[in-house]
Amino acid sequence: MRAAYRRERPSLVIHCAALSQSPACQETPLLARLLNVEVTALLADLASEIPFFFFSTDLVFDGLQGDYLETDEVNPRGVYAETKVAAESLVLLNPRHTVIRTSLNGGVSVRGDRAFNEQLRRAFLKGQKVGLFTDEYRNPLPAIVTARAVWEIACKGLTGIYHVAGRERLSRFQIGQILAARWPDVNPTISPESLSSYRGAPRSPDTTLNCSKAQAAISFSLPGLGEWLEQNPHEPF
């Protein structure tokens, strides 16, 4: 990595990589720390003299409140969120650097299995009935919109913490309903579930982000997922 950095001599680094699946982080905490904290520390050190953007998550919050501002106190639940909080602290030691907290990002990945919409579509294609929580809330956004917003923030030279997420507060079940309506060809079947009956890695009920700070800095309105899908009916998603 150091050799590649010296060879490329970037003027900006946007760090998106992570072990981002919460169950995988719970099962392999040392690997989660290596990939989410130590890799970030290395990159932030290499980029000490230039702008560095680190992608973090809404899951740094415990989800007991929702509509979180950048100034609200973090309280991570689970290994993934803990590693992101640790990485944020390292990044923010440098006044040139920026943390972008975002929610679920959807779109089309190279492998076809990275985004939440891709994972859900794969389950439908396998004929699986998918249970989705009616009481766990996020504000999802197409990755292409996230990229545009972050690029504008970067071009303005803004630093510190920014929340970049969709305008709609949606439950997991509502997200599933929106996507199922877009994919009638895969015969989607979803069922409502509650966090009260869930047993597994810690989950946060409402980690929706208040994005007013980022909204004031960019030239366009951050859309909700349903709004964006309606306006872009032919966009791959």
Protein backbone atom coordinates (compact mmCIF):
# COMPACT_ATOMS: atom_id res chain seq x y z
CA MET A 1 0.00 0.00 0.00
CA ARG A 2 2.79 2.41 0.84
CA ALA A 3 4.51 1.66 -2.49
CA ALA A 4 1.25 2.18 -4.38
CA TYR A 5 0.66 5.48 -2.60
CA ARG A 6 4.14 6.76 -3.46
CA ARG A 7 3.66 5.67 -7.07
CA GLU A 8 0.19 7.21 -7.55
CA ARG A 9 0.74 10.37 -5.44
CA PRO A 10 -3.01 11.07 -5.01
CA SER A 11 -4.36 14.51 -4.21
CA LEU A 12 -7.45 13.04 -2.50
CA VAL A 13 -8.24 9.68 -0.89
CA ILE A 14 -11.80 8.39 -0.44
CA HIS A 15 -11.73 5.25 1.70
CA CYS A 16 -14.84 3.09 1.26
CA ALA A 17 -13.53 -0.41 2.00
CA ALA A 18 -14.66 -2.28 5.11
CA LEU A 19 -15.78 -5.55 6.57
CA SER A 20 -19.32 -4.21 6.78
CA GLN A 21 -21.49 -7.24 7.54
CA SER A 22 -22.29 -7.10 11.26
CA PRO A 23 -22.55 -10.90 11.74
CA ALA A 24 -19.13 -11.41 10.11
CA CYS A 25 -17.63 -8.77 12.41
CA GLN A 26 -19.15 -10.44 15.48
CA GLU A 27 -17.70 -13.79 14.41
CA THR A 28 -14.23 -12.47 13.51
CA PRO A 29 -13.55 -9.40 15.69
CA LEU A 30 -9.78 -9.43 15.07
CA LEU A 31 -10.30 -9.40 11.31
CA ALA A 32 -12.89 -6.64 11.71
CA ARG A 33 -10.40 -4.53 13.63
CA LEU A 34 -7.66 -5.21 11.09
CA LEU A 35 -9.78 -4.19 8.10
CA ASN A 36 -11.87 -1.43 9.64
CA VAL A 37 -9.42 0.22 12.03
CA GLU A 38 -5.84 -0.66 11.18
CA VAL A 39 -6.25 -0.28 7.42
CA THR A 40 -7.94 3.07 8.01
CA ALA A 41 -5.09 4.17 10.27
CA LEU A 42 -2.54 3.26 7.59
CA LEU A 43 -4.40 5.14 4.86
CA ALA A 44 -4.99 8.19 7.06
CA ASP A 45 -1.28 8.26 7.88
CA LEU A 46 -0.31 8.03 4.20
CA ALA A 47 -2.79 10.81 3.40
CA SER A 48 -1.74 13.01 6.33
CA GLU A 49 -1.01 16.00 4.09
CA ILE A 50 -4.04 15.77 1.79
CA PRO A 51 -7.84 15.48 2.08
CA PHE A 52 -8.92 12.03 3.28
CA PHE A 53 -12.55 10.89 3.33
CA PHE A 54 -13.54 7.95 5.51
CA PHE A 55 -16.90 6.22 5.10
CA SER A 56 -18.51 5.44 8.43
CA THR A 57 -22.00 4.30 9.37
CA ASP A 58 -25.24 5.30 11.05
CA LEU A 59 -24.68 2.28 13.31
CA VAL A 60 -22.25 4.24 15.48
CA PHE A 61 -25.47 5.25 17.29
CA ASP A 62 -27.48 2.92 19.54
CA GLY A 63 -30.73 3.64 17.69
CA LEU A 64 -32.76 4.65 20.72
CA GLN A 65 -33.38 8.16 19.39
CA GLY A 66 -33.19 8.47 15.61
CA ASP A 67 -32.70 11.63 13.53
CA TYR A 68 -29.12 11.84 14.79
CA LEU A 69 -26.98 14.95 14.32
CA GLU A 70 -23.23 14.89 13.85
CA THR A 71 -22.84 16.27 17.36
CA ASP A 72 -24.87 13.53 19.06
CA GLU A 73 -22.98 11.10 21.27
CA VAL A 74 -22.08 7.79 19.69
CA ASN A 75 -22.92 4.53 21.44
CA PRO A 76 -22.02 1.55 19.24
CA ARG A 77 -23.72 -1.81 19.63
CA GLY A 78 -21.70 -4.67 18.22
CA VAL A 79 -18.20 -5.17 16.85
CA TYR A 80 -18.79 -3.54 13.46
CA ALA A 81 -20.02 -0.29 14.98
CA GLU A 82 -17.24 -0.34 17.58
CA THR A 83 -14.58 -0.58 14.87
CA LYS A 84 -16.13 2.30 12.98
CA VAL A 85 -16.15 4.51 16.07
CA ALA A 86 -12.49 3.66 16.70
CA ALA A 87 -11.60 4.46 13.09
CA GLU A 88 -13.52 7.75 13.18
CA SER A 89 -11.48 8.86 16.19
CA LEU A 90 -8.23 8.18 14.36
CA VAL A 91 -9.35 9.99 11.22
CA LEU A 92 -10.57 13.08 13.05
CA LEU A 93 -7.18 13.61 14.71
CA ASN A 94 -6.18 15.26 11.42
CA PRO A 95 -7.99 18.56 10.72
CA ARG A 96 -7.62 17.93 6.96
CA HIS A 97 -9.73 14.79 7.12
CA THR A 98 -13.45 14.08 6.86
CA VAL A 99 -15.82 11.40 8.13
CA ILE A 100 -18.92 10.59 6.08
CA ARG A 101 -21.57 8.72 8.03
CA THR A 102 -24.12 7.10 5.77
CA SER A 103 -26.94 4.58 5.93
CA LEU A 104 -27.82 1.69 3.63
CA ASN A 105 -26.45 2.32 0.14
CA GLY A 106 -28.03 0.60 -2.83
CA GLY A 107 -27.06 0.08 -6.43
CA VAL A 108 -25.14 -2.32 -8.64
CA SER A 109 -21.78 -3.68 -7.49
CA VAL A 110 -19.10 -5.49 -9.47
CA ARG A 111 -19.84 -8.84 -7.80
CA GLY A 112 -23.57 -8.28 -7.63
CA ASP A 113 -23.85 -9.03 -3.92
CA ARG A 114 -22.63 -5.99 -2.02
CA ALA A 115 -25.64 -3.68 -1.84
CA PHE A 116 -28.71 -4.32 0.32
CA ASN A 117 -30.94 -4.39 -2.76
CA GLU A 118 -28.71 -6.98 -4.46
CA GLN A 119 -28.78 -9.25 -1.42
CA LEU A 120 -32.56 -9.00 -1.22
CA ARG A 121 -33.01 -9.66 -4.94
CA ARG A 122 -30.78 -12.75 -4.72
CA ALA A 123 -32.95 -14.13 -1.96
CA PHE A 124 -36.07 -13.58 -4.06
CA LEU A 125 -34.46 -15.26 -7.08
CA LYS A 126 -33.81 -18.31 -4.90
CA GLY A 127 -37.50 -18.42 -4.03
CA GLN A 128 -36.91 -17.47 -0.40
CA LYS A 129 -39.52 -15.78 1.76
CA VAL A 130 -37.69 -12.92 3.45
CA GLY A 131 -38.58 -11.69 6.92
CA LEU A 132 -37.97 -7.96 7.41
CA PHE A 133 -38.28 -5.86 10.55
CA THR A 134 -41.16 -3.41 10.85
CA ASP A 135 -39.48 -1.66 13.81
CA GLU A 136 -35.91 -1.12 12.59
CA TYR A 137 -35.49 2.17 10.73
CA ARG A 138 -32.82 3.46 8.35
CA ASN A 139 -32.70 6.13 5.65
CA PRO A 140 -31.34 4.36 2.54
CA LEU A 141 -29.87 6.12 -0.46
CA PRO A 142 -28.65 5.04 -3.90
CA ALA A 143 -24.86 4.88 -3.89
CA ILE A 144 -24.70 7.06 -7.00
CA VAL A 145 -26.33 9.89 -5.02
CA THR A 146 -23.99 9.36 -2.07
CA ALA A 147 -21.03 9.59 -4.44
CA ARG A 148 -22.27 12.86 -5.93
CA ALA A 149 -22.82 14.40 -2.50
CA VAL A 150 -19.42 13.34 -1.20
CA TRP A 151 -17.71 14.65 -4.31
CA GLU A 152 -19.30 18.07 -3.80
CA ILE A 153 -18.25 18.10 -0.14
CA ALA A 154 -14.72 17.13 -1.17
CA CYS A 155 -14.53 19.81 -3.87
CA LYS A 156 -15.47 22.43 -1.28
CA GLY A 157 -12.65 21.29 0.99
CA LEU A 158 -14.99 20.58 3.91
CA THR A 159 -13.71 18.61 6.88
CA GLY A 160 -15.09 17.09 10.07
CA ILE A 161 -18.20 14.86 10.20
CA TYR A 162 -21.06 14.88 7.69
CA HIS A 163 -24.20 12.75 7.60
CA VAL A 164 -25.19 11.72 4.06
CA ALA A 165 -28.32 9.58 3.77
CA GLY A 166 -31.78 9.49 2.25
CA ARG A 167 -34.63 11.80 3.14
CA GLU A 168 -37.11 9.03 4.00
CA ARG A 169 -37.23 7.21 7.34
CA LEU A 170 -38.07 3.67 6.29
CA SER A 171 -38.37 0.41 8.16
CA ARG A 172 -36.66 -2.66 6.76
CA PHE A 173 -40.10 -3.97 5.84
CA GLN A 174 -41.01 -0.74 4.01
CA ILE A 175 -37.75 -0.92 2.08
CA GLY A 176 -38.63 -4.47 1.10
CA GLN A 177 -42.08 -3.39 -0.07
CA ILE A 178 -40.61 -0.62 -2.24
CA LEU A 179 -38.13 -2.99 -3.87
CA ALA A 180 -40.65 -5.79 -4.28
CA ALA A 181 -42.88 -3.41 -6.24
CA ARG A 182 -39.95 -2.65 -8.54
CA TRP A 183 -39.19 -6.37 -9.14
CA PRO A 184 -42.48 -8.19 -9.83
CA ASP A 185 -40.59 -10.48 -12.23
CA VAL A 186 -38.75 -12.25 -9.38
CA ASN A 187 -41.94 -13.10 -7.45
CA PRO A 188 -40.84 -11.39 -4.23
CA THR A 189 -42.29 -12.59 -0.94
CA ILE A 190 -41.69 -10.73 2.32
CA SER A 191 -43.10 -11.10 5.80
CA PRO A 192 -43.16 -8.61 8.69
CA GLU A 193 -41.01 -9.36 11.72
CA SER A 194 -40.20 -7.56 14.98
CA LEU A 195 -36.93 -6.91 16.75
CA SER A 196 -38.63 -8.18 19.90
CA SER A 197 -38.41 -11.73 18.55
CA TYR A 198 -34.91 -11.40 17.08
CA ARG A 199 -31.99 -13.41 18.48
CA GLY A 200 -28.57 -12.62 17.10
CA ALA A 201 -25.93 -9.89 16.77
CA PRO A 202 -26.99 -6.58 18.39
CA ARG A 203 -29.27 -4.42 16.25
CA SER A 204 -30.17 -0.75 16.63
CA PRO A 205 -33.85 0.13 16.14
CA ASP A 206 -33.62 3.65 14.67
CA THR A 207 -30.30 4.98 13.40
CA THR A 208 -31.76 7.49 10.96
CA LEU A 209 -29.46 10.44 10.31
CA ASN A 210 -30.21 14.16 10.23
CA CYS A 211 -28.45 15.35 7.08
CA SER A 212 -29.18 19.09 7.33
CA LYS A 213 -25.46 19.93 7.60
CA ALA A 214 -24.56 18.10 4.40
CA GLN A 215 -27.73 19.32 2.69
CA ALA A 216 -26.67 22.91 3.27
CA ALA A 217 -23.29 22.19 1.68
CA ILE A 218 -24.40 20.52 -1.57
CA SER A 219 -26.20 21.78 -4.66
CA PHE A 220 -29.08 19.29 -4.81
CA SER A 221 -31.66 17.77 -2.50
CA LEU A 222 -30.87 14.39 -1.01
CA PRO A 223 -33.79 12.21 -2.15
CA GLY A 224 -35.57 9.41 -0.38
CA LEU A 225 -35.16 5.92 -1.78
CA GLY A 226 -38.74 5.61 -2.96
CA GLU A 227 -38.63 9.07 -4.53
CA TRP A 228 -35.40 8.31 -6.40
CA LEU A 229 -36.64 4.95 -7.69
CA GLU A 230 -39.84 6.55 -8.95
CA GLN A 231 -37.89 9.24 -10.77
CA ASN A 232 -35.41 6.73 -12.22
CA PRO A 233 -37.54 3.78 -13.34
CA HIS A 234 -34.96 2.45 -15.80
CA GLU A 235 -31.86 2.91 -13.63
CA PRO A 236 -30.29 -0.46 -12.70
CA PHE A 237 -31.11 -1.15 -9.05
